[in-house]
Amino acid sequence: MSNNISSNERKSLQGLWSSRVTFILAVTGSAIGLGNIWKFPYIAGANGGGAFVIIYLICIFLIGFPIMVSEILLGRRGRRNPITSMKLLGKEETGHGSWKIVGFIGLFSGFLILSYYSVIAGWTLHYFVLSLSGVFNEINSEEVNFIFNELTGSIKTQAIFHTLFMISTVIIIAKGIKNGLEKTVTVMMPALLIIMLILLIYSITQGDFTKGVEFLLKPDFSKITSDSILSAMGHAFFTLSLGMGCVVMYGAY
């Protein structure tokens, strides 16, 4: 059997997405994460507001989306994990599998991100528990700051919620595409949308919404520097989960 035929007949070992909708939900969930909720507004406001947003969107559409589509196609053709996919495709096109190094680099990047993102996700679980208990009802900013400092100062609390997050993640992944990822994203993505709408309504009715919008969207091109442009490009890559094997993996299904 030739390499081209093997590429055409290669099947995913873990099954396929049941529909385009679930695939889009999964990719969207990867894009709309904590980084865009709590990090992006700050770096945008600090780097020129609307001016930074414009550069960021340009990077998304002109650089990010083409690379994202390329990664999806690589995964779709390889039908394996990023390392094996790059190895197989490299052999088919060049006769050797040294391209697997690219897969290793992506996997290592994802591991580095997980090393700190999992801790932050643990914080989120902790805050979710606190919110259910009503701790945040009618407290001022100083008390909120105290709660956060208390959390970051407690290794035990962070370890507990970090472990809970990692266990949940492993269980979801171990169940595979249809029983794990698909069922999770079909519940969590609509839930995320509802939470975001609630936060938006709360911000409009309770907070100084206009100042927040001005901080985020009022353009100030005087603050745009080479570092700002690189920051916008980097966040565009981070938003679309590029270069870490995630999109390649989704494309394989």
C-alpha atoms as a PDB file:
ATOM      1  CA  MET A   1       0.000   0.000   0.000  1.00  0.00           C
ATOM      2  CA  SER A   2       1.421   3.376  -0.950  1.00  0.00           C
ATOM      3  CA  ASN A   3       1.741   6.272   1.470  1.00  0.00           C
ATOM      4  CA  ASN A   4      -0.894   8.303  -0.382  1.00  0.00           C
ATOM      5  CA  ILE A   5      -3.421   5.486  -0.146  1.00  0.00           C
ATOM      6  CA  SER A   6      -2.725   5.039   3.557  1.00  0.00           C
ATOM      7  CA  SER A   7      -3.335   8.745   4.058  1.00  0.00           C
ATOM      8  CA  ASN A   8      -6.678   8.594   2.268  1.00  0.00           C
ATOM      9  CA  GLU A   9      -7.848   5.510   4.162  1.00  0.00           C
ATOM     10  CA  ARG A  10      -6.514   6.458   7.591  1.00  0.00           C
ATOM     11  CA  LYS A  11      -9.210   6.421  10.254  1.00  0.00           C
ATOM     12  CA  SER A  12      -9.340   8.105  13.635  1.00  0.00           C
ATOM     13  CA  LEU A  13      -8.602   5.680  16.464  1.00  0.00           C
ATOM     14  CA  GLN A  14     -10.957   7.506  18.842  1.00  0.00           C
ATOM     15  CA  GLY A  15     -13.955   8.030  16.563  1.00  0.00           C
ATOM     16  CA  LEU A  16     -15.209  11.259  15.006  1.00  0.00           C
ATOM     17  CA  TRP A  17     -17.293  14.248  16.038  1.00  0.00           C
ATOM     18  CA  SER A  18     -20.976  13.435  15.631  1.00  0.00           C
ATOM     19  CA  SER A  19     -21.660  16.803  13.989  1.00  0.00           C
ATOM     20  CA  ARG A  20     -20.069  20.073  12.937  1.00  0.00           C
ATOM     21  CA  VAL A  21     -21.898  21.810  15.761  1.00  0.00           C
ATOM     22  CA  THR A  22     -20.080  19.862  18.465  1.00  0.00           C
ATOM     23  CA  PHE A  23     -16.753  20.424  16.705  1.00  0.00           C
ATOM     24  CA  ILE A  24     -17.422  24.173  16.536  1.00  0.00           C
ATOM     25  CA  LEU A  25     -18.459  24.191  20.205  1.00  0.00           C
ATOM     26  CA  ALA A  26     -15.234  22.419  21.174  1.00  0.00           C
ATOM     27  CA  VAL A  27     -13.026  24.801  19.187  1.00  0.00           C
ATOM     28  CA  THR A  28     -14.983  27.780  20.520  1.00  0.00           C
ATOM     29  CA  GLY A  29     -14.548  26.500  24.059  1.00  0.00           C
ATOM     30  CA  SER A  30     -10.822  26.315  23.463  1.00  0.00           C
ATOM     31  CA  ALA A  31     -10.809  29.907  22.176  1.00  0.00           C
ATOM     32  CA  ILE A  32     -13.135  31.553  24.712  1.00  0.00           C
ATOM     33  CA  GLY A  33     -11.272  30.672  27.860  1.00  0.00           C
ATOM     34  CA  LEU A  34     -10.031  32.344  31.008  1.00  0.00           C
ATOM     35  CA  GLY A  35      -7.407  34.280  29.057  1.00  0.00           C
ATOM     36  CA  ASN A  36     -10.033  36.196  27.094  1.00  0.00           C
ATOM     37  CA  ILE A  37     -12.206  36.807  30.142  1.00  0.00           C
ATOM     38  CA  TRP A  38      -9.724  38.129  32.689  1.00  0.00           C
ATOM     39  CA  LYS A  39      -6.511  38.819  30.760  1.00  0.00           C
ATOM     40  CA  PHE A  40      -7.553  40.356  27.453  1.00  0.00           C
ATOM     41  CA  PRO A  41      -9.515  43.345  28.856  1.00  0.00           C
ATOM     42  CA  TYR A  42      -6.515  44.385  30.937  1.00  0.00           C
ATOM     43  CA  ILE A  43      -3.841  44.084  28.240  1.00  0.00           C
ATOM     44  CA  ALA A  44      -6.151  45.776  25.722  1.00  0.00           C
ATOM     45  CA  GLY A  45      -6.859  48.726  28.012  1.00  0.00           C
ATOM     46  CA  ALA A  46      -3.207  49.079  28.981  1.00  0.00           C
ATOM     47  CA  ASN A  47      -2.030  49.013  25.352  1.00  0.00           C
ATOM     48  CA  GLY A  48      -4.281  51.526  23.666  1.00  0.00           C
ATOM     49  CA  GLY A  49      -7.796  50.153  24.120  1.00  0.00           C
ATOM     50  CA  GLY A  50      -9.609  50.106  20.798  1.00  0.00           C
ATOM     51  CA  ALA A  51      -6.335  50.568  18.914  1.00  0.00           C
ATOM     52  CA  PHE A  52      -5.022  47.345  20.429  1.00  0.00           C
ATOM     53  CA  VAL A  53      -8.316  45.569  19.699  1.00  0.00           C
ATOM     54  CA  ILE A  54      -8.064  46.558  16.016  1.00  0.00           C
ATOM     55  CA  ILE A  55      -4.534  45.154  15.744  1.00  0.00           C
ATOM     56  CA  TYR A  56      -5.625  42.033  17.619  1.00  0.00           C
ATOM     57  CA  LEU A  57      -8.533  41.427  15.235  1.00  0.00           C
ATOM     58  CA  ILE A  58      -6.265  41.966  12.222  1.00  0.00           C
ATOM     59  CA  CYS A  59      -3.892  39.342  13.619  1.00  0.00           C
ATOM     60  CA  ILE A  60      -6.828  36.994  14.216  1.00  0.00           C
ATOM     61  CA  PHE A  61      -8.207  37.218  10.678  1.00  0.00           C
ATOM     62  CA  LEU A  62      -5.022  37.605   8.614  1.00  0.00           C
ATOM     63  CA  ILE A  63      -2.681  35.321  10.557  1.00  0.00           C
ATOM     64  CA  GLY A  64      -4.608  33.294  13.130  1.00  0.00           C
ATOM     65  CA  PHE A  65      -7.484  31.881  11.074  1.00  0.00           C
ATOM     66  CA  PRO A  66      -5.311  30.665   8.150  1.00  0.00           C
ATOM     67  CA  ILE A  67      -2.989  28.872  10.579  1.00  0.00           C
ATOM     68  CA  MET A  68      -5.976  27.455  12.453  1.00  0.00           C
ATOM     69  CA  VAL A  69      -7.470  26.036   9.240  1.00  0.00           C
ATOM     70  CA  SER A  70      -4.064  24.572   8.357  1.00  0.00           C
ATOM     71  CA  GLU A  71      -3.831  22.850  11.745  1.00  0.00           C
ATOM     72  CA  ILE A  72      -7.349  21.439  11.366  1.00  0.00           C
ATOM     73  CA  LEU A  73      -6.427  20.037   7.945  1.00  0.00           C
ATOM     74  CA  LEU A  74      -3.207  18.524   9.314  1.00  0.00           C
ATOM     75  CA  GLY A  75      -5.186  16.796  12.048  1.00  0.00           C
ATOM     76  CA  ARG A  76      -7.883  15.672   9.632  1.00  0.00           C
ATOM     77  CA  ARG A  77      -5.330  14.118   7.311  1.00  0.00           C
ATOM     78  CA  GLY A  78      -3.186  12.578  10.046  1.00  0.00           C
ATOM     79  CA  ARG A  79      -6.083  11.250  12.173  1.00  0.00           C
ATOM     80  CA  ARG A  80      -3.693  10.769  15.097  1.00  0.00           C
ATOM     81  CA  ASN A  81      -2.208  12.753  17.957  1.00  0.00           C
ATOM     82  CA  PRO A  82      -0.061  15.748  16.874  1.00  0.00           C
ATOM     83  CA  ILE A  83       3.246  13.864  17.167  1.00  0.00           C
ATOM     84  CA  THR A  84       2.152  10.804  15.201  1.00  0.00           C
ATOM     85  CA  SER A  85       0.247  12.903  12.657  1.00  0.00           C
ATOM     86  CA  MET A  86       3.282  15.037  11.870  1.00  0.00           C
ATOM     87  CA  LYS A  87       5.445  11.913  11.669  1.00  0.00           C
ATOM     88  CA  LEU A  88       3.071  10.146   9.259  1.00  0.00           C
ATOM     89  CA  LEU A  89       2.516  13.198   7.080  1.00  0.00           C
ATOM     90  CA  GLY A  90       6.235  13.923   7.025  1.00  0.00           C
ATOM     91  CA  LYS A  91       6.942  10.397   5.790  1.00  0.00           C
ATOM     92  CA  GLU A  92       4.277  10.701   3.113  1.00  0.00           C
ATOM     93  CA  GLU A  93       5.572  14.006   1.773  1.00  0.00           C
ATOM     94  CA  THR A  94       9.331  13.871   2.406  1.00  0.00           C
ATOM     95  CA  GLY A  95      10.099  10.225   3.084  1.00  0.00           C
ATOM     96  CA  HIS A  96      11.175  10.692   6.703  1.00  0.00           C
ATOM     97  CA  GLY A  97       9.405  11.357   9.995  1.00  0.00           C
ATOM     98  CA  SER A  98      11.556  14.124  11.448  1.00  0.00           C
ATOM     99  CA  TRP A  99       8.536  16.463  11.323  1.00  0.00           C
ATOM    100  CA  LYS A 100       7.363  14.746  14.496  1.00  0.00           C
ATOM    101  CA  ILE A 101       9.603  17.265  16.281  1.00  0.00           C
ATOM    102  CA  VAL A 102       6.968  19.903  15.469  1.00  0.00           C
ATOM    103  CA  GLY A 103       4.392  17.739  17.232  1.00  0.00           C
ATOM    104  CA  PHE A 104       6.665  17.386  20.264  1.00  0.00           C
ATOM    105  CA  ILE A 105       7.117  21.172  20.429  1.00  0.00           C
ATOM    106  CA  GLY A 106       3.350  21.698  20.324  1.00  0.00           C
ATOM    107  CA  LEU A 107       2.795  19.075  23.012  1.00  0.00           C
ATOM    108  CA  PHE A 108       5.474  20.630  25.203  1.00  0.00           C
ATOM    109  CA  SER A 109       3.874  24.073  24.755  1.00  0.00           C
ATOM    110  CA  GLY A 110       0.525  22.680  25.837  1.00  0.00           C
ATOM    111  CA  PHE A 111       2.158  21.073  28.865  1.00  0.00           C
ATOM    112  CA  LEU A 112       3.724  24.397  29.892  1.00  0.00           C
ATOM    113  CA  ILE A 113       0.365  26.168  29.588  1.00  0.00           C
ATOM    114  CA  LEU A 114      -1.354  23.416  31.581  1.00  0.00           C
ATOM    115  CA  SER A 115       1.224  23.790  34.360  1.00  0.00           C
ATOM    116  CA  TYR A 116      -0.161  27.197  35.340  1.00  0.00           C
ATOM    117  CA  TYR A 117      -3.612  27.203  33.733  1.00  0.00           C
ATOM    118  CA  SER A 118      -4.660  24.209  35.805  1.00  0.00           C
ATOM    119  CA  VAL A 119      -3.839  26.173  38.963  1.00  0.00           C
ATOM    120  CA  ILE A 120      -5.941  29.117  37.773  1.00  0.00           C
ATOM    121  CA  ALA A 121      -8.746  26.700  36.879  1.00  0.00           C
ATOM    122  CA  GLY A 122      -8.507  25.407  40.443  1.00  0.00           C
ATOM    123  CA  TRP A 123      -8.980  28.970  41.669  1.00  0.00           C
ATOM    124  CA  THR A 124     -12.121  29.133  39.531  1.00  0.00           C
ATOM    125  CA  LEU A 125     -13.525  26.000  41.157  1.00  0.00           C
ATOM    126  CA  HIS A 126     -12.762  27.452  44.580  1.00  0.00           C
ATOM    127  CA  TYR A 127     -14.547  30.703  43.726  1.00  0.00           C
ATOM    128  CA  PHE A 128     -17.497  28.722  42.374  1.00  0.00           C
ATOM    129  CA  VAL A 129     -17.868  26.981  45.740  1.00  0.00           C
ATOM    130  CA  LEU A 130     -17.549  30.312  47.567  1.00  0.00           C
ATOM    131  CA  SER A 131     -20.176  31.922  45.340  1.00  0.00           C
ATOM    132  CA  LEU A 132     -22.649  29.145  46.140  1.00  0.00           C
ATOM    133  CA  SER A 133     -22.102  29.768  49.842  1.00  0.00           C
ATOM    134  CA  GLY A 134     -23.002  33.455  49.436  1.00  0.00           C
ATOM    135  CA  VAL A 135     -19.653  34.763  50.675  1.00  0.00           C
ATOM    136  CA  PHE A 136     -19.549  37.486  48.028  1.00  0.00           C
ATOM    137  CA  ASN A 137     -22.902  39.004  48.938  1.00  0.00           C
ATOM    138  CA  GLU A 138     -22.500  42.665  49.918  1.00  0.00           C
ATOM    139  CA  ILE A 139     -18.734  42.718  50.513  1.00  0.00           C
ATOM    140  CA  ASN A 140     -16.374  45.495  49.443  1.00  0.00           C
ATOM    141  CA  SER A 141     -13.283  45.337  47.233  1.00  0.00           C
ATOM    142  CA  GLU A 142     -10.912  45.100  50.204  1.00  0.00           C
ATOM    143  CA  GLU A 143     -12.695  41.994  51.466  1.00  0.00           C
ATOM    144  CA  VAL A 144     -12.612  40.474  47.978  1.00  0.00           C
ATOM    145  CA  ASN A 145      -8.876  41.167  47.818  1.00  0.00           C
ATOM    146  CA  PHE A 146      -8.430  39.536  51.228  1.00  0.00           C
ATOM    147  CA  ILE A 147     -10.230  36.383  50.041  1.00  0.00           C
ATOM    148  CA  PHE A 148      -7.960  36.166  47.006  1.00  0.00           C
ATOM    149  CA  ASN A 149      -4.797  36.690  49.049  1.00  0.00           C
ATOM    150  CA  GLU A 150      -5.995  34.062  51.498  1.00  0.00           C
ATOM    151  CA  LEU A 151      -6.457  31.617  48.616  1.00  0.00           C
ATOM    152  CA  THR A 152      -3.068  32.267  47.006  1.00  0.00           C
ATOM    153  CA  GLY A 153      -1.412  32.009  50.414  1.00  0.00           C
ATOM    154  CA  SER A 154      -2.860  28.561  51.098  1.00  0.00           C
ATOM    155  CA  ILE A 155      -0.933  25.799  49.342  1.00  0.00           C
ATOM    156  CA  LYS A 156      -3.347  23.206  50.737  1.00  0.00           C
ATOM    157  CA  THR A 157      -6.466  24.870  49.304  1.00  0.00           C
ATOM    158  CA  GLN A 158      -4.840  25.414  45.922  1.00  0.00           C
ATOM    159  CA  ALA A 159      -3.602  21.815  45.810  1.00  0.00           C
ATOM    160  CA  ILE A 160      -7.067  20.453  46.610  1.00  0.00           C
ATOM    161  CA  PHE A 161      -8.897  22.399  43.902  1.00  0.00           C
ATOM    162  CA  HIS A 162      -6.081  21.929  41.397  1.00  0.00           C
ATOM    163  CA  THR A 163      -6.338  18.180  41.951  1.00  0.00           C
ATOM    164  CA  LEU A 164     -10.124  18.258  41.548  1.00  0.00           C
ATOM    165  CA  PHE A 165      -9.755  20.088  38.251  1.00  0.00           C
ATOM    166  CA  MET A 166      -7.125  17.665  36.947  1.00  0.00           C
ATOM    167  CA  ILE A 167      -9.192  14.626  37.951  1.00  0.00           C
ATOM    168  CA  SER A 168     -12.247  16.073  36.179  1.00  0.00           C
ATOM    169  CA  THR A 169     -10.191  16.769  33.064  1.00  0.00           C
ATOM    170  CA  VAL A 170      -8.695  13.272  32.982  1.00  0.00           C
ATOM    171  CA  ILE A 171     -12.122  11.652  33.401  1.00  0.00           C
ATOM    172  CA  ILE A 172     -13.600  13.678  30.523  1.00  0.00           C
ATOM    173  CA  ILE A 173     -10.695  12.910  28.196  1.00  0.00           C
ATOM    174  CA  ALA A 174     -10.636   9.221  29.163  1.00  0.00           C
ATOM    175  CA  LYS A 175     -14.266   8.852  28.083  1.00  0.00           C
ATOM    176  CA  GLY A 176     -13.321   9.759  24.523  1.00  0.00           C
ATOM    177  CA  ILE A 177     -14.971  12.013  21.973  1.00  0.00           C
ATOM    178  CA  LYS A 178     -18.653  11.081  22.092  1.00  0.00           C
ATOM    179  CA  ASN A 179     -19.043  10.263  25.785  1.00  0.00           C
ATOM    180  CA  GLY A 180     -16.485  12.749  27.048  1.00  0.00           C
ATOM    181  CA  LEU A 181     -15.708  15.892  25.076  1.00  0.00           C
ATOM    182  CA  GLU A 182     -18.973  16.100  23.134  1.00  0.00           C
ATOM    183  CA  LYS A 183     -21.243  15.699  26.152  1.00  0.00           C
ATOM    184  CA  THR A 184     -19.134  18.157  28.120  1.00  0.00           C
ATOM    185  CA  VAL A 185     -19.034  20.952  25.529  1.00  0.00           C
ATOM    186  CA  THR A 186     -22.752  20.648  24.749  1.00  0.00           C
ATOM    187  CA  VAL A 187     -23.448  21.444  28.411  1.00  0.00           C
ATOM    188  CA  MET A 188     -20.603  23.766  29.361  1.00  0.00           C
ATOM    189  CA  MET A 189     -20.608  26.049  26.306  1.00  0.00           C
ATOM    190  CA  PRO A 190     -24.287  27.067  26.667  1.00  0.00           C
ATOM    191  CA  ALA A 191     -23.637  27.441  30.410  1.00  0.00           C
ATOM    192  CA  LEU A 192     -20.677  29.726  29.658  1.00  0.00           C
ATOM    193  CA  LEU A 193     -22.861  31.841  27.369  1.00  0.00           C
ATOM    194  CA  ILE A 194     -25.509  32.192  30.080  1.00  0.00           C
ATOM    195  CA  ILE A 195     -22.883  33.152  32.675  1.00  0.00           C
ATOM    196  CA  MET A 196     -21.398  35.770  30.332  1.00  0.00           C
ATOM    197  CA  LEU A 197     -24.841  37.265  29.704  1.00  0.00           C
ATOM    198  CA  ILE A 198     -25.512  37.400  33.446  1.00  0.00           C
ATOM    199  CA  LEU A 199     -22.156  39.129  34.020  1.00  0.00           C
ATOM    200  CA  LEU A 200     -22.923  41.614  31.240  1.00  0.00           C
ATOM    201  CA  ILE A 201     -26.333  42.464  32.679  1.00  0.00           C
ATOM    202  CA  TYR A 202     -24.860  42.755  36.167  1.00  0.00           C
ATOM    203  CA  SER A 203     -22.098  45.057  34.915  1.00  0.00           C
ATOM    204  CA  ILE A 204     -24.603  47.297  33.150  1.00  0.00           C
ATOM    205  CA  THR A 205     -26.947  47.565  36.126  1.00  0.00           C
ATOM    206  CA  GLN A 206     -24.519  47.552  39.062  1.00  0.00           C
ATOM    207  CA  GLY A 207     -21.096  48.707  37.898  1.00  0.00           C
ATOM    208  CA  ASP A 208     -19.697  51.722  36.052  1.00  0.00           C
ATOM    209  CA  PHE A 209     -20.236  50.100  32.676  1.00  0.00           C
ATOM    210  CA  THR A 210     -19.384  53.147  30.560  1.00  0.00           C
ATOM    211  CA  LYS A 211     -15.943  53.544  32.141  1.00  0.00           C
ATOM    212  CA  GLY A 212     -15.225  49.882  31.538  1.00  0.00           C
ATOM    213  CA  VAL A 213     -16.190  50.152  27.883  1.00  0.00           C
ATOM    214  CA  GLU A 214     -14.124  53.320  27.521  1.00  0.00           C
ATOM    215  CA  PHE A 215     -11.086  51.641  29.090  1.00  0.00           C
ATOM    216  CA  LEU A 216     -11.416  48.658  26.763  1.00  0.00           C
ATOM    217  CA  LEU A 217     -12.508  50.228  23.470  1.00  0.00           C
ATOM    218  CA  LYS A 218     -11.468  53.903  23.379  1.00  0.00           C
ATOM    219  CA  PRO A 219      -8.590  53.961  20.861  1.00  0.00           C
ATOM    220  CA  ASP A 220      -5.286  55.507  21.924  1.00  0.00           C
ATOM    221  CA  PHE A 221      -2.777  54.936  19.135  1.00  0.00           C
ATOM    222  CA  SER A 222      -0.068  56.756  21.080  1.00  0.00           C
ATOM    223  CA  LYS A 223       0.261  53.652  23.277  1.00  0.00           C
ATOM    224  CA  ILE A 224       0.856  51.342  20.330  1.00  0.00           C
ATOM    225  CA  THR A 225       4.452  50.127  20.243  1.00  0.00           C
ATOM    226  CA  SER A 226       6.257  47.157  18.738  1.00  0.00           C
ATOM    227  CA  ASP A 227       5.701  45.346  22.028  1.00  0.00           C
ATOM    228  CA  SER A 228       1.967  46.067  21.807  1.00  0.00           C
ATOM    229  CA  ILE A 229       1.815  44.592  18.315  1.00  0.00           C
ATOM    230  CA  LEU A 230       3.694  41.485  19.422  1.00  0.00           C
ATOM    231  CA  SER A 231       1.392  41.212  22.439  1.00  0.00           C
ATOM    232  CA  ALA A 232      -1.674  41.415  20.175  1.00  0.00           C
ATOM    233  CA  MET A 233      -0.252  38.761  17.865  1.00  0.00           C
ATOM    234  CA  GLY A 234       0.679  36.525  20.783  1.00  0.00           C
ATOM    235  CA  HIS A 235      -2.776  36.815  22.299  1.00  0.00           C
ATOM    236  CA  ALA A 236      -4.329  36.070  18.903  1.00  0.00           C
ATOM    237  CA  PHE A 237      -2.361  32.808  18.802  1.00  0.00           C
ATOM    238  CA  PHE A 238      -3.312  32.096  22.417  1.00  0.00           C
ATOM    239  CA  THR A 239      -6.985  32.814  21.717  1.00  0.00           C
ATOM    240  CA  LEU A 240      -7.146  30.306  18.867  1.00  0.00           C
ATOM    241  CA  SER A 241      -4.988  27.734  20.720  1.00  0.00           C
ATOM    242  CA  LEU A 242      -2.445  27.703  17.903  1.00  0.00           C
ATOM    243  CA  GLY A 243       0.901  25.953  18.013  1.00  0.00           C
ATOM    244  CA  MET A 244       0.102  23.702  20.962  1.00  0.00           C
ATOM    245  CA  GLY A 245      -1.421  20.701  19.174  1.00  0.00           C
ATOM    246  CA  CYS A 246      -4.943  21.368  20.424  1.00  0.00           C
ATOM    247  CA  VAL A 247      -6.477  22.309  17.064  1.00  0.00           C
ATOM    248  CA  VAL A 248      -4.580  19.497  15.307  1.00  0.00           C
ATOM    249  CA  MET A 249      -6.057  17.076  17.832  1.00  0.00           C
ATOM    250  CA  TYR A 250      -9.584  18.374  17.297  1.00  0.00           C
ATOM    251  CA  GLY A 251      -9.095  18.143  13.533  1.00  0.00           C
ATOM    252  CA  ALA A 252      -8.142  14.478  13.861  1.00  0.00           C
ATOM    253  CA  TYR A 253     -11.672  13.693  15.009  1.00  0.00           C
END
